[in-house]
């Protein structure tokens, strides 16, 4: 975020908050709507809208806004799912586990969460079977790793 964007954001928030503090909910709402007309994903404008809706008893609008935001988060979080699949296929089990875990954390109640959770459990089972890395230090301080390369050639290099 540039310095200009940061100042613009601060001005917007200060003005909107002043409207809210003075009971000028319609003005705060109009200000947020204008901001959203130029930048539909502007989270600060959405936050101001939600505040005005709470203050004016329009909780149904807040709930609808939050559902929309959750849908966007779900759509964007699919990147974690795709990256988990890519890493799993490349033999990068630890990375795949991390991506799948993040997808589940962001979408705990999604239809895919159970399927991904099962994939995650299988990956964790595979990790438990990995050979133990025996670390020893040489006199000169260099670390030596004994790794079973035959068993996991693509994963361990």
Protein backbone atom coordinates (compact mmCIF):
# COMPACT_ATOMS: atom_id res chain seq x y z
CA UNK A 1 0.00 0.00 0.00
CA UNK A 2 1.48 3.34 -1.03
CA UNK A 3 1.71 6.35 1.26
CA UNK A 4 -1.07 8.05 -0.73
CA UNK A 5 -3.31 4.98 -0.43
CA UNK A 6 -2.60 4.80 3.30
CA UNK A 7 -3.51 8.48 3.79
CA UNK A 8 -6.64 8.08 1.64
CA UNK A 9 -7.67 5.07 3.72
CA UNK A 10 -7.11 6.95 6.98
CA UNK A 11 -9.13 9.93 5.72
CA UNK A 12 -11.97 7.68 4.61
CA UNK A 13 -12.07 5.86 7.95
CA UNK A 14 -11.85 9.09 9.97
CA UNK A 15 -14.68 10.70 8.00
CA UNK A 16 -16.88 7.60 8.18
CA UNK A 17 -16.22 7.17 11.90
CA UNK A 18 -17.06 10.84 12.52
CA UNK A 19 -20.39 10.32 10.73
CA UNK A 20 -21.09 7.22 12.83
CA UNK A 21 -20.07 8.91 16.09
CA UNK A 22 -22.45 11.78 15.36
CA UNK A 23 -25.37 9.50 14.47
CA UNK A 24 -25.13 10.31 10.77
CA UNK A 25 -25.53 6.74 9.62
CA UNK A 26 -26.98 7.68 6.24
CA UNK A 27 -23.93 9.82 5.50
CA UNK A 28 -21.55 7.04 6.59
CA UNK A 29 -23.48 4.56 4.46
CA UNK A 30 -23.41 6.88 1.44
CA UNK A 31 -19.67 7.42 1.86
CA UNK A 32 -19.08 3.66 2.00
CA UNK A 33 -21.32 3.05 -1.02
CA UNK A 34 -19.38 5.62 -3.05
CA UNK A 35 -16.11 3.93 -2.09
CA UNK A 36 -17.52 0.52 -3.08
CA UNK A 37 -18.72 1.86 -6.43
CA UNK A 38 -15.06 2.61 -7.26
CA UNK A 39 -13.54 -0.37 -5.46
CA UNK A 40 -16.06 -3.22 -4.96
CA UNK A 41 -13.74 -5.25 -2.71
CA UNK A 42 -12.83 -2.39 -0.38
CA UNK A 43 -12.92 -4.06 3.03
CA UNK A 44 -12.98 -0.80 5.00
CA UNK A 45 -16.06 0.36 3.10
CA UNK A 46 -17.73 -2.98 3.77
CA UNK A 47 -16.88 -2.65 7.45
CA UNK A 48 -18.43 0.82 7.59
CA UNK A 49 -21.55 -0.47 5.85
CA UNK A 50 -21.86 -3.26 8.38
CA UNK A 51 -21.48 -0.78 11.24
CA UNK A 52 -24.23 1.42 9.82
CA UNK A 53 -26.48 -1.58 9.32
CA UNK A 54 -25.96 -2.75 12.90
CA UNK A 55 -26.70 0.75 14.22
CA UNK A 56 -29.87 0.94 12.11
CA UNK A 57 -31.08 -2.56 12.94
CA UNK A 58 -30.49 -4.10 9.51
CA UNK A 59 -28.73 -7.25 10.67
CA UNK A 60 -30.04 -9.19 7.68
CA UNK A 61 -27.82 -6.99 5.48
CA UNK A 62 -24.80 -7.67 7.72
CA UNK A 63 -25.43 -11.40 7.49
CA UNK A 64 -25.75 -11.20 3.70
CA UNK A 65 -22.50 -9.22 3.45
CA UNK A 66 -20.68 -11.73 5.63
CA UNK A 67 -22.01 -14.63 3.53
CA UNK A 68 -20.65 -12.91 0.43
CA UNK A 69 -17.27 -12.37 2.10
CA UNK A 70 -17.18 -16.01 3.20
CA UNK A 71 -17.90 -17.09 -0.37
CA UNK A 72 -14.98 -15.01 -1.60
CA UNK A 73 -12.71 -16.47 1.08
CA UNK A 74 -13.79 -19.97 0.08
CA UNK A 75 -13.11 -19.25 -3.59
CA UNK A 76 -9.69 -17.77 -2.87
CA UNK A 77 -8.77 -20.55 -0.46
CA UNK A 78 -9.08 -23.07 -3.27
CA UNK A 79 -5.54 -22.01 -4.14
CA UNK A 80 -4.45 -23.84 -0.97
CA UNK A 81 -6.29 -26.94 -2.18
CA UNK A 82 -4.73 -26.80 -5.64
CA UNK A 83 -1.26 -26.20 -4.20
CA UNK A 84 -1.77 -29.14 -1.83
CA UNK A 85 -2.55 -31.39 -4.79
CA UNK A 86 0.42 -30.08 -6.77
CA UNK A 87 2.82 -30.59 -3.86
CA UNK A 88 1.41 -34.05 -3.09
CA UNK A 89 1.90 -35.14 -6.69
CA UNK A 90 5.45 -33.73 -6.64
CA UNK A 91 6.20 -35.74 -3.53
CA UNK A 92 6.39 -32.66 -1.31
CA UNK A 93 4.38 -34.21 1.49
CA UNK A 94 5.17 -31.68 4.19
CA UNK A 95 4.20 -28.76 1.98
CA UNK A 96 1.05 -30.56 0.79
CA UNK A 97 0.09 -31.18 4.41
CA UNK A 98 0.51 -27.49 5.21
CA UNK A 99 -1.62 -26.39 2.21
CA UNK A 100 -4.37 -28.92 2.91
CA UNK A 101 -4.42 -27.94 6.58
CA UNK A 102 -4.80 -24.27 5.66
CA UNK A 103 -7.68 -25.08 3.29
CA UNK A 104 -9.47 -26.99 6.06
CA UNK A 105 -8.86 -24.18 8.56
CA UNK A 106 -10.44 -21.68 6.16
CA UNK A 107 -13.31 -24.01 5.17
CA UNK A 108 -14.05 -26.26 8.15
CA UNK A 109 -17.66 -26.88 7.14
CA UNK A 110 -17.26 -27.09 3.37
CA UNK A 111 -18.22 -30.18 1.42
CA UNK A 112 -14.59 -30.70 0.41
CA UNK A 113 -13.20 -30.42 3.97
CA UNK A 114 -13.96 -34.06 4.84
CA UNK A 115 -12.35 -35.32 1.62
CA UNK A 116 -9.30 -33.13 2.17
CA UNK A 117 -9.12 -34.17 5.81
CA UNK A 118 -8.90 -37.79 4.66
CA UNK A 119 -6.11 -36.85 2.22
CA UNK A 120 -4.36 -35.05 5.05
CA UNK A 121 -4.62 -38.11 7.29
CA UNK A 122 -3.13 -40.30 4.56
CA UNK A 123 -0.27 -37.84 4.08
CA UNK A 124 0.41 -37.75 7.81
CA UNK A 125 0.47 -41.57 7.83
CA UNK A 126 3.04 -41.48 5.02
CA UNK A 127 5.14 -38.95 6.94
CA UNK A 128 5.10 -41.25 9.99
CA UNK A 129 6.67 -43.96 7.81
CA UNK A 130 9.51 -41.72 6.59
CA UNK A 131 12.96 -42.82 7.62
CA UNK A 132 14.36 -41.15 10.68
CA UNK A 133 16.95 -38.55 9.81
CA UNK A 134 20.00 -39.34 11.86
CA UNK A 135 21.83 -36.09 12.55
CA UNK A 136 25.41 -36.09 13.82
CA UNK A 137 27.98 -33.35 14.04
CA UNK A 138 31.50 -33.77 12.74
CA UNK A 139 34.45 -32.38 14.62
CA UNK A 140 34.51 -29.40 12.24
CA UNK A 141 30.85 -28.58 13.08
CA UNK A 142 29.29 -29.65 9.77
CA UNK A 143 26.04 -31.59 9.98
CA UNK A 144 25.67 -34.98 8.36
CA UNK A 145 22.24 -36.38 7.47
CA UNK A 146 21.70 -40.07 6.89
CA UNK A 147 18.64 -40.35 4.64
CA UNK A 148 17.20 -43.38 2.92
CA UNK A 149 17.16 -42.05 -0.68
CA UNK A 150 16.00 -45.31 -2.29
CA UNK A 151 12.63 -45.23 -0.54
CA UNK A 152 11.65 -41.61 -1.32
CA UNK A 153 13.86 -40.47 -4.22
CA UNK A 154 11.51 -37.71 -5.45
CA UNK A 155 10.86 -36.31 -1.99
CA UNK A 156 14.31 -36.36 -0.51
CA UNK A 157 16.24 -35.41 -3.60
